Amino acid sequence: LAAGKGVVVTTDLEVARAHATTCVTAPGGAVVIEDY
């Protein structure tokens, strides 16, 4: 759960990587990466 603000859609690979890192490094964190 992220109150509607847990999704990043970007053309910048570094921004995508940074958000993924933030998600998986949180306690119990996990991330879903999917096609646009």
Full PDB file with SEQRES, HELIX, SHEET, SSBOND, CRYST1, ORIGX, SCALE, CONECT and MASTER records, all heavy atoms in Angstrom:
SEQRES   1 A   36  LEU ALA ALA GLY LYS GLY VAL VAL VAL THR THR ASP LEU          
SEQRES   2 A   36  GLU VAL ALA ARG ALA HIS ALA THR THR CYS VAL THR ALA          
SEQRES   3 A   36  PRO GLY GLY ALA VAL VAL ILE GLU ASP TYR                      
HELIX    1 AA1 LEU A   13  THR A   25  1                                  13    
CRYST1    1.000    1.000    1.000  90.00  90.00  90.00 P 1           1          
ORIGX1      1.000000  0.000000  0.000000        0.00000                         
ORIGX2      0.000000  1.000000  0.000000        0.00000                         
ORIGX3      0.000000  0.000000  1.000000        0.00000                         
SCALE1      1.000000  0.000000  0.000000        0.00000                         
SCALE2      0.000000  1.000000  0.000000        0.00000                         
SCALE3      0.000000  0.000000  1.000000        0.00000                         
ATOM      1  N   LEU A   1       0.835  -1.196   0.000  1.00  0.00           N  
ATOM      2  CA  LEU A   1       0.000   0.000   0.000  1.00  0.00           C  
ATOM      3  C   LEU A   1       0.868   1.243   0.000  1.00  0.00           C  
ATOM      4  O   LEU A   1       1.845   1.335   0.715  1.00  0.00           O  
ATOM      5  CB  LEU A   1      -0.894   0.020   1.241  1.00  0.00           C  
ATOM      6  CG  LEU A   1      -1.893  -1.140   1.376  1.00  0.00           C  
ATOM      7  CD1 LEU A   1      -2.678  -0.987   2.665  1.00  0.00           C  
ATOM      8  CD2 LEU A   1      -2.805  -1.199   0.178  1.00  0.00           C  
ATOM      9  N   ALA A   2       0.478   2.238  -0.826  1.00  0.00           N  
ATOM     10  CA  ALA A   2       1.258   3.472  -0.904  1.00  0.00           C  
ATOM     11  C   ALA A   2       0.359   4.684  -1.096  1.00  0.00           C  
ATOM     12  O   ALA A   2       0.793   5.716  -1.589  1.00  0.00           O  
ATOM     13  CB  ALA A   2       2.277   3.384  -2.037  1.00  0.00           C  
ATOM     14  N   ALA A   3      -0.919   4.561  -0.707  1.00  0.00           N  
ATOM     15  CA  ALA A   3      -1.884   5.668  -0.774  1.00  0.00           C  
ATOM     16  C   ALA A   3      -1.960   6.286  -2.153  1.00  0.00           C  
ATOM     17  O   ALA A   3      -2.133   7.488  -2.312  1.00  0.00           O  
ATOM     18  CB  ALA A   3      -1.534   6.733   0.270  1.00  0.00           C  
ATOM     19  N   GLY A   4      -1.833   5.434  -3.191  1.00  0.00           N  
ATOM     20  CA  GLY A   4      -1.969   5.929  -4.555  1.00  0.00           C  
ATOM     21  C   GLY A   4      -0.745   6.615  -5.104  1.00  0.00           C  
ATOM     22  O   GLY A   4      -0.778   7.156  -6.212  1.00  0.00           O  
ATOM     23  N   LYS A   5       0.371   6.607  -4.338  1.00  0.00           N  
ATOM     24  CA  LYS A   5       1.553   7.341  -4.783  1.00  0.00           C  
ATOM     25  C   LYS A   5       2.784   6.444  -4.881  1.00  0.00           C  
ATOM     26  O   LYS A   5       3.914   6.923  -4.837  1.00  0.00           O  
ATOM     27  CB  LYS A   5       1.824   8.522  -3.838  1.00  0.00           C  
ATOM     28  CG  LYS A   5       0.689   9.546  -3.809  1.00  0.00           C  
ATOM     29  CD  LYS A   5       1.027  10.752  -2.985  1.00  0.00           C  
ATOM     30  CE  LYS A   5       0.955  10.489  -1.509  1.00  0.00           C  
ATOM     31  NZ  LYS A   5      -0.415  10.274  -1.031  1.00  0.00           N  
ATOM     32  N   GLY A   6       2.572   5.121  -5.017  1.00  0.00           N  
ATOM     33  CA  GLY A   6       3.707   4.207  -5.037  1.00  0.00           C  
ATOM     34  C   GLY A   6       4.185   3.832  -6.422  1.00  0.00           C  
ATOM     35  O   GLY A   6       5.047   2.969  -6.573  1.00  0.00           O  
ATOM     36  N   VAL A   7       3.649   4.485  -7.451  1.00  0.00           N  
ATOM     37  CA  VAL A   7       3.967   4.128  -8.833  1.00  0.00           C  
ATOM     38  C   VAL A   7       4.785   5.230  -9.490  1.00  0.00           C  
ATOM     39  O   VAL A   7       4.446   6.411  -9.387  1.00  0.00           O  
ATOM     40  CB  VAL A   7       2.679   3.888  -9.652  1.00  0.00           C  
ATOM     41  CG1 VAL A   7       3.024   3.510 -11.087  1.00  0.00           C  
ATOM     42  CG2 VAL A   7       1.831   2.812  -8.995  1.00  0.00           C  
ATOM     43  N   VAL A   8       5.858   4.828 -10.162  1.00  0.00           N  
ATOM     44  CA  VAL A   8       6.641   5.757 -10.976  1.00  0.00           C  
ATOM     45  C   VAL A   8       6.617   5.273 -12.419  1.00  0.00           C  
ATOM     46  O   VAL A   8       6.890   4.101 -12.694  1.00  0.00           O  
ATOM     47  CB  VAL A   8       8.095   5.860 -10.469  1.00  0.00           C  
ATOM     48  CG1 VAL A   8       8.987   6.525 -11.509  1.00  0.00           C  
ATOM     49  CG2 VAL A   8       8.143   6.652  -9.168  1.00  0.00           C  
ATOM     50  N   VAL A   9       6.224   6.164 -13.319  1.00  0.00           N  
ATOM     51  CA  VAL A   9       6.274   5.901 -14.762  1.00  0.00           C  
ATOM     52  C   VAL A   9       7.231   6.908 -15.356  1.00  0.00           C  
ATOM     53  O   VAL A   9       6.992   8.117 -15.282  1.00  0.00           O  
ATOM     54  CB  VAL A   9       4.878   6.032 -15.404  1.00  0.00           C  
ATOM     55  CG1 VAL A   9       4.953   5.738 -16.896  1.00  0.00           C  
ATOM     56  CG2 VAL A   9       3.880   5.102 -14.732  1.00  0.00           C  
ATOM     57  N   THR A  10       8.333   6.442 -15.949  1.00  0.00           N  
ATOM     58  CA  THR A  10       9.377   7.354 -16.387  1.00  0.00           C  
ATOM     59  C   THR A  10      10.136   6.784 -17.589  1.00  0.00           C  
ATOM     60  O   THR A  10      10.228   5.562 -17.748  1.00  0.00           O  
ATOM     61  CB  THR A  10      10.367   7.639 -15.235  1.00  0.00           C  
ATOM     62  OG1 THR A  10      11.406   8.516 -15.695  1.00  0.00           O  
ATOM     63  CG2 THR A  10      11.002   6.349 -14.712  1.00  0.00           C  
ATOM     64  N   THR A  11      10.673   7.670 -18.405  1.00  0.00           N  
ATOM     65  CA  THR A  11      11.558   7.248 -19.493  1.00  0.00           C  
ATOM     66  C   THR A  11      13.021   7.248 -19.052  1.00  0.00           C  
ATOM     67  O   THR A  11      13.896   6.845 -19.810  1.00  0.00           O  
ATOM     68  CB  THR A  11      11.403   8.182 -20.708  1.00  0.00           C  
ATOM     69  OG1 THR A  11      11.671   9.530 -20.306  1.00  0.00           O  
ATOM     70  CG2 THR A  11       9.990   8.103 -21.275  1.00  0.00           C  
ATOM     71  N   ASP A  12      13.266   7.700 -17.820  1.00  0.00           N  
ATOM     72  CA  ASP A  12      14.630   7.802 -17.288  1.00  0.00           C  
ATOM     73  C   ASP A  12      14.957   6.536 -16.494  1.00  0.00           C  
ATOM     74  O   ASP A  12      14.385   6.289 -15.429  1.00  0.00           O  
ATOM     75  CB  ASP A  12      14.730   9.041 -16.392  1.00  0.00           C  
ATOM     76  CG  ASP A  12      16.162   9.345 -15.956  1.00  0.00           C  
ATOM     77  OD1 ASP A  12      16.929   8.387 -15.725  1.00  0.00           O  
ATOM     78  OD2 ASP A  12      16.506  10.538 -15.829  1.00  0.00           O  
ATOM     79  N   LEU A  13      15.885   5.744 -17.004  1.00  0.00           N  
ATOM     80  CA  LEU A  13      16.229   4.473 -16.363  1.00  0.00           C  
ATOM     81  C   LEU A  13      16.753   4.680 -14.945  1.00  0.00           C  
ATOM     82  O   LEU A  13      16.451   3.890 -14.042  1.00  0.00           O  
ATOM     83  CB  LEU A  13      17.265   3.725 -17.208  1.00  0.00           C  
ATOM     84  CG  LEU A  13      17.718   2.356 -16.680  1.00  0.00           C  
ATOM     85  CD1 LEU A  13      16.533   1.409 -16.505  1.00  0.00           C  
ATOM     86  CD2 LEU A  13      18.753   1.740 -17.637  1.00  0.00           C  
ATOM     87  N   GLU A  14      17.512   5.747 -14.730  1.00  0.00           N  
ATOM     88  CA  GLU A  14      18.071   5.987 -13.397  1.00  0.00           C  
ATOM     89  C   GLU A  14      16.976   6.316 -12.382  1.00  0.00           C  
ATOM     90  O   GLU A  14      17.038   5.891 -11.233  1.00  0.00           O  
ATOM     91  CB  GLU A  14      19.115   7.119 -13.449  1.00  0.00           C  
ATOM     92  CG  GLU A  14      20.384   6.738 -14.193  1.00  0.00           C  
ATOM     93  CD  GLU A  14      20.981   5.425 -13.672  1.00  0.00           C  
ATOM     94  OE1 GLU A  14      21.110   5.278 -12.435  1.00  0.00           O  
ATOM     95  OE2 GLU A  14      21.304   4.553 -14.501  1.00  0.00           O  
ATOM     96  N   VAL A  15      15.968   7.063 -12.817  1.00  0.00           N  
ATOM     97  CA  VAL A  15      14.837   7.365 -11.928  1.00  0.00           C  
ATOM     98  C   VAL A  15      14.094   6.072 -11.588  1.00  0.00           C  
ATOM     99  O   VAL A  15      13.696   5.840 -10.444  1.00  0.00           O  
ATOM    100  CB  VAL A  15      13.890   8.384 -12.594  1.00  0.00           C  
ATOM    101  CG1 VAL A  15      12.608   8.537 -11.789  1.00  0.00           C  
ATOM    102  CG2 VAL A  15      14.579   9.733 -12.736  1.00  0.00           C  
ATOM    103  N   ALA A  16      13.900   5.212 -12.586  1.00  0.00           N  
ATOM    104  CA  ALA A  16      13.229   3.923 -12.361  1.00  0.00           C  
ATOM    105  C   ALA A  16      14.019   3.070 -11.374  1.00  0.00           C  
ATOM    106  O   ALA A  16      13.450   2.457 -10.456  1.00  0.00           O  
ATOM    107  CB  ALA A  16      13.054   3.187 -13.688  1.00  0.00           C  
ATOM    108  N   ARG A  17      15.334   3.019 -11.573  1.00  0.00           N  
ATOM    109  CA  ARG A  17      16.177   2.232 -10.661  1.00  0.00           C  
ATOM    110  C   ARG A  17      16.101   2.767  -9.235  1.00  0.00           C  
ATOM    111  O   ARG A  17      16.034   2.005  -8.267  1.00  0.00           O  
ATOM    112  CB  ARG A  17      17.624   2.261 -11.149  1.00  0.00           C  
ATOM    113  CG  ARG A  17      17.910   1.352 -12.333  1.00  0.00           C  
ATOM    114  CD  ARG A  17      19.325   1.562 -12.831  1.00  0.00           C  
ATOM    115  NE  ARG A  17      19.701   0.589 -13.839  1.00  0.00           N  
ATOM    116  CZ  ARG A  17      20.737   0.740 -14.660  1.00  0.00           C  
ATOM    117  NH1 ARG A  17      21.480   1.837 -14.585  1.00  0.00           N  
ATOM    118  NH2 ARG A  17      21.033  -0.196 -15.540  1.00  0.00           N  
ATOM    119  N   ALA A  18      16.118   4.085  -9.114  1.00  0.00           N  
ATOM    120  CA  ALA A  18      16.108   4.699  -7.782  1.00  0.00           C  
ATOM    121  C   ALA A  18      14.812   4.371  -7.040  1.00  0.00           C  
ATOM    122  O   ALA A  18      14.827   4.053  -5.847  1.00  0.00           O  
ATOM    123  CB  ALA A  18      16.287   6.211  -7.907  1.00  0.00           C  
ATOM    124  N   HIS A  19      13.676   4.432  -7.743  1.00  0.00           N  
ATOM    125  CA  HIS A  19      12.398   4.124  -7.087  1.00  0.00           C  
ATOM    126  C   HIS A  19      12.343   2.641  -6.708  1.00  0.00           C  
ATOM    127  O   HIS A  19      11.881   2.286  -5.611  1.00  0.00           O  
ATOM    128  CB  HIS A  19      11.229   4.468  -8.002  1.00  0.00           C  
ATOM    129  CG  HIS A  19       9.888   4.260  -7.359  1.00  0.00           C  
ATOM    130  ND1 HIS A  19       9.491   4.922  -6.215  1.00  0.00           N  
ATOM    131  CD2 HIS A  19       8.845   3.445  -7.695  1.00  0.00           C  
ATOM    132  CE1 HIS A  19       8.273   4.531  -5.879  1.00  0.00           C  
ATOM    133  NE2 HIS A  19       7.858   3.634  -6.752  1.00  0.00           N  
ATOM    134  N   ALA A  20      12.838   1.774  -7.590  1.00  0.00           N  
ATOM    135  CA  ALA A  20      12.867   0.345  -7.287  1.00  0.00           C  
ATOM    136  C   ALA A  20      13.709   0.075  -6.046  1.00  0.00           C  
ATOM    137  O   ALA A  20      13.320  -0.710  -5.171  1.00  0.00           O  
ATOM    138  CB  ALA A  20      13.407  -0.437  -8.480  1.00  0.00           C  
ATOM    139  N   THR A  21      14.853   0.739  -5.954  1.00  0.00           N  
ATOM    140  CA  THR A  21      15.731   0.573  -4.795  1.00  0.00           C  
ATOM    141  C   THR A  21      15.035   1.015  -3.517  1.00  0.00           C  
ATOM    142  O   THR A  21      15.104   0.342  -2.482  1.00  0.00           O  
ATOM    143  CB  THR A  21      17.028   1.363  -4.998  1.00  0.00           C  
ATOM    144  OG1 THR A  21      17.728   0.830  -6.131  1.00  0.00           O  
ATOM    145  CG2 THR A  21      17.926   1.282  -3.770  1.00  0.00           C  
ATOM    146  N   THR A  22      14.335   2.155  -3.587  1.00  0.00           N  
ATOM    147  CA  THR A  22      13.605   2.651  -2.418  1.00  0.00           C  
ATOM    148  C   THR A  22      12.572   1.637  -1.953  1.00  0.00           C  
ATOM    149  O   THR A  22      12.405   1.395  -0.749  1.00  0.00           O  
ATOM    150  CB  THR A  22      12.910   3.983  -2.751  1.00  0.00           C  
ATOM    151  OG1 THR A  22      13.899   4.949  -3.116  1.00  0.00           O  
ATOM    152  CG2 THR A  22      12.103   4.505  -1.568  1.00  0.00           C  
ATOM    153  N   CYS A  23      11.885   1.015  -2.901  1.00  0.00           N  
ATOM    154  CA  CYS A  23      10.835   0.051  -2.551  1.00  0.00           C  
ATOM    155  C   CYS A  23      11.407  -1.213  -1.913  1.00  0.00           C  
ATOM    156  O   CYS A  23      10.905  -1.679  -0.882  1.00  0.00           O  
ATOM    157  CB  CYS A  23      10.033  -0.325  -3.794  1.00  0.00           C  
ATOM    158  SG  CYS A  23       9.061   1.041  -4.495  1.00  0.00           S  
ATOM    159  N   VAL A  24      12.443  -1.788  -2.513  1.00  0.00           N  
ATOM    160  CA  VAL A  24      12.930  -3.090  -2.033  1.00  0.00           C  
ATOM    161  C   VAL A  24      13.778  -2.969  -0.776  1.00  0.00           C  
ATOM    162  O   VAL A  24      13.944  -3.961  -0.050  1.00  0.00           O  
ATOM    163  CB  VAL A  24      13.730  -3.837  -3.136  1.00  0.00           C  
ATOM    164  CG1 VAL A  24      12.838  -4.135  -4.326  1.00  0.00           C  
ATOM    165  CG2 VAL A  24      14.975  -3.077  -3.551  1.00  0.00           C  
ATOM    166  N   THR A  25      14.325  -1.790  -0.495  1.00  0.00           N  
ATOM    167  CA  THR A  25      15.157  -1.638   0.699  1.00  0.00           C  
ATOM    168  C   THR A  25      14.350  -1.232   1.926  1.00  0.00           C  
ATOM    169  O   THR A  25      14.879  -1.195   3.032  1.00  0.00           O  
ATOM    170  CB  THR A  25      16.278  -0.599   0.458  1.00  0.00           C  
ATOM    171  OG1 THR A  25      15.698   0.631   0.012  1.00  0.00           O  
ATOM    172  CG2 THR A  25      17.265  -1.104  -0.579  1.00  0.00           C  
ATOM    173  N   ALA A  26      13.052  -0.945   1.752  1.00  0.00           N  
ATOM    174  CA  ALA A  26      12.194  -0.675   2.906  1.00  0.00           C  
ATOM    175  C   ALA A  26      11.936  -1.982   3.647  1.00  0.00           C  
ATOM    176  O   ALA A  26      12.041  -3.065   3.067  1.00  0.00           O  
ATOM    177  CB  ALA A  26      10.878  -0.058   2.436  1.00  0.00           C  
ATOM    178  N   PRO A  27      11.609  -1.919   4.936  1.00  0.00           N  
ATOM    179  CA  PRO A  27      11.320  -3.161   5.690  1.00  0.00           C  
ATOM    180  C   PRO A  27      10.214  -3.962   5.019  1.00  0.00           C  
ATOM    181  O   PRO A  27       9.120  -3.450   4.776  1.00  0.00           O  
ATOM    182  CB  PRO A  27      10.876  -2.627   7.063  1.00  0.00           C  
ATOM    183  CG  PRO A  27      11.520  -1.276   7.178  1.00  0.00           C  
ATOM    184  CD  PRO A  27      11.547  -0.722   5.789  1.00  0.00           C  
ATOM    185  N   GLY A  28      10.516  -5.228   4.698  1.00  0.00           N  
ATOM    186  CA  GLY A  28       9.548  -6.080   4.012  1.00  0.00           C  
ATOM    187  C   GLY A  28       9.249  -5.631   2.600  1.00  0.00           C  
ATOM    188  O   GLY A  28       8.242  -6.026   2.013  1.00  0.00           O  
ATOM    189  N   GLY A  29      10.137  -4.824   2.051  1.00  0.00           N  
ATOM    190  CA  GLY A  29       9.872  -4.189   0.764  1.00  0.00           C  
ATOM    191  C   GLY A  29       9.927  -5.124  -0.430  1.00  0.00           C  
ATOM    192  O   GLY A  29      10.652  -6.117  -0.447  1.00  0.00           O  
ATOM    193  N   ALA A  30       9.124  -4.789  -1.428  1.00  0.00           N  
ATOM    194  CA  ALA A  30       9.114  -5.514  -2.698  1.00  0.00           C  
ATOM    195  C   ALA A  30       8.613  -4.552  -3.760  1.00  0.00           C  
ATOM    196  O   ALA A  30       7.992  -3.527  -3.466  1.00  0.00           O  
ATOM    197  CB  ALA A  30       8.219  -6.746  -2.631  1.00  0.00           C  
ATOM    198  N   VAL A  31       8.901  -4.883  -5.015  1.00  0.00           N  
ATOM    199  CA  VAL A  31       8.531  -4.002  -6.112  1.00  0.00           C  
ATOM    200  C   VAL A  31       8.048  -4.849  -7.278  1.00  0.00           C  
ATOM    201  O   VAL A  31       8.451  -6.009  -7.425  1.00  0.00           O  
ATOM    202  CB  VAL A  31       9.726  -3.109  -6.516  1.00  0.00           C  
ATOM    203  CG1 VAL A  31      10.818  -3.920  -7.205  1.00  0.00           C  
ATOM    204  CG2 VAL A  31       9.289  -1.953  -7.398  1.00  0.00           C  
ATOM    205  N   VAL A  32       7.155  -4.295  -8.067  1.00  0.00           N  
ATOM    206  CA  VAL A  32       6.696  -4.940  -9.299  1.00  0.00           C  
ATOM    207  C   VAL A  32       7.085  -4.041 -10.466  1.00  0.00           C  
ATOM    208  O   VAL A  32       6.756  -2.852 -10.476  1.00  0.00           O  
ATOM    209  CB  VAL A  32       5.168  -5.171  -9.283  1.00  0.00           C  
ATOM    210  CG1 VAL A  32       4.690  -5.664 -10.639  1.00  0.00           C  
ATOM    211  CG2 VAL A  32       4.799  -6.170  -8.202  1.00  0.00           C  
ATOM    212  N   ILE A  33       7.791  -4.612 -11.425  1.00  0.00           N  
ATOM    213  CA  ILE A  33       8.219  -3.877 -12.620  1.00  0.00           C  
ATOM    214  C   ILE A  33       7.475  -4.479 -13.802  1.00  0.00           C  
ATOM    215  O   ILE A  33       7.461  -5.700 -13.979  1.00  0.00           O  
ATOM    216  CB  ILE A  33       9.737  -3.971 -12.800  1.00  0.00           C  
ATOM    217  CG1 ILE A  33      10.421  -3.186 -11.669  1.00  0.00           C  
ATOM    218  CG2 ILE A  33      10.162  -3.436 -14.162  1.00  0.00           C  
ATOM    219  CD1 ILE A  33      11.873  -3.494 -11.486  1.00  0.00           C  
ATOM    220  N   GLU A  34       6.800  -3.619 -14.566  1.00  0.00           N  
ATOM    221  CA  GLU A  34       5.957  -4.170 -15.622  1.00  0.00           C  
ATOM    222  C   GLU A  34       6.002  -3.341 -16.893  1.00  0.00           C  
ATOM    223  O   GLU A  34       6.482  -2.190 -16.899  1.00  0.00           O  
ATOM    224  CB  GLU A  34       4.525  -4.320 -15.131  1.00  0.00           C  
ATOM    225  CG  GLU A  34       3.837  -3.047 -14.725  1.00  0.00           C  
ATOM    226  CD  GLU A  34       2.425  -3.309 -14.185  1.00  0.00           C  
ATOM    227  OE1 GLU A  34       2.261  -4.226 -13.353  1.00  0.00           O  
ATOM    228  OE2 GLU A  34       1.509  -2.599 -14.614  1.00  0.00           O  
ATOM    229  N   ASP A  35       5.493  -3.927 -17.965  1.00  0.00           N  
ATOM    230  CA  ASP A  35       5.419  -3.236 -19.248  1.00  0.00           C  
ATOM    231  C   ASP A  35       4.461  -2.066 -19.167  1.00  0.00           C  
ATOM    232  O   ASP A  35       3.454  -2.099 -18.452  1.00  0.00           O  
ATOM    233  CB  ASP A  35       4.920  -4.193 -20.349  1.00  0.00           C  
ATOM    234  CG  ASP A  35       5.988  -5.170 -20.810  1.00  0.00           C  
ATOM    235  OD1 ASP A  35       7.172  -4.804 -20.784  1.00  0.00           O  
ATOM    236  OD2 ASP A  35       5.627  -6.299 -21.186  1.00  0.00           O  
ATOM    237  N   TYR A  36       4.759  -1.043 -19.939  1.00  0.00           N  
ATOM    238  CA  TYR A  36       3.893   0.127 -20.034  1.00  0.00           C  
ATOM    239  C   TYR A  36       2.695  -0.197 -20.923  1.00  0.00           C  
ATOM    240  O   TYR A  36       2.833  -0.836 -21.966  1.00  0.00           O  
ATOM    241  CB  TYR A  36       4.678   1.297 -20.624  1.00  0.00           C  
ATOM    242  CG  TYR A  36       3.850   2.534 -20.858  1.00  0.00           C  
ATOM    243  CD1 TYR A  36       3.487   3.354 -19.789  1.00  0.00           C  
ATOM    244  CD2 TYR A  36       3.440   2.886 -22.141  1.00  0.00           C  
ATOM    245  CE1 TYR A  36       2.732   4.490 -19.994  1.00  0.00           C  
ATOM    246  CE2 TYR A  36       2.682   4.034 -22.363  1.00  0.00           C  
ATOM    247  CZ  TYR A  36       2.333   4.824 -21.282  1.00  0.00           C  
ATOM    248  OH  TYR A  36       1.590   5.954 -21.492  1.00  0.00           O  
TER     249      TYR A  36                                                      
MASTER        0    0    0    1    0    0    0    6  248    1    0    3          
END                                                                             
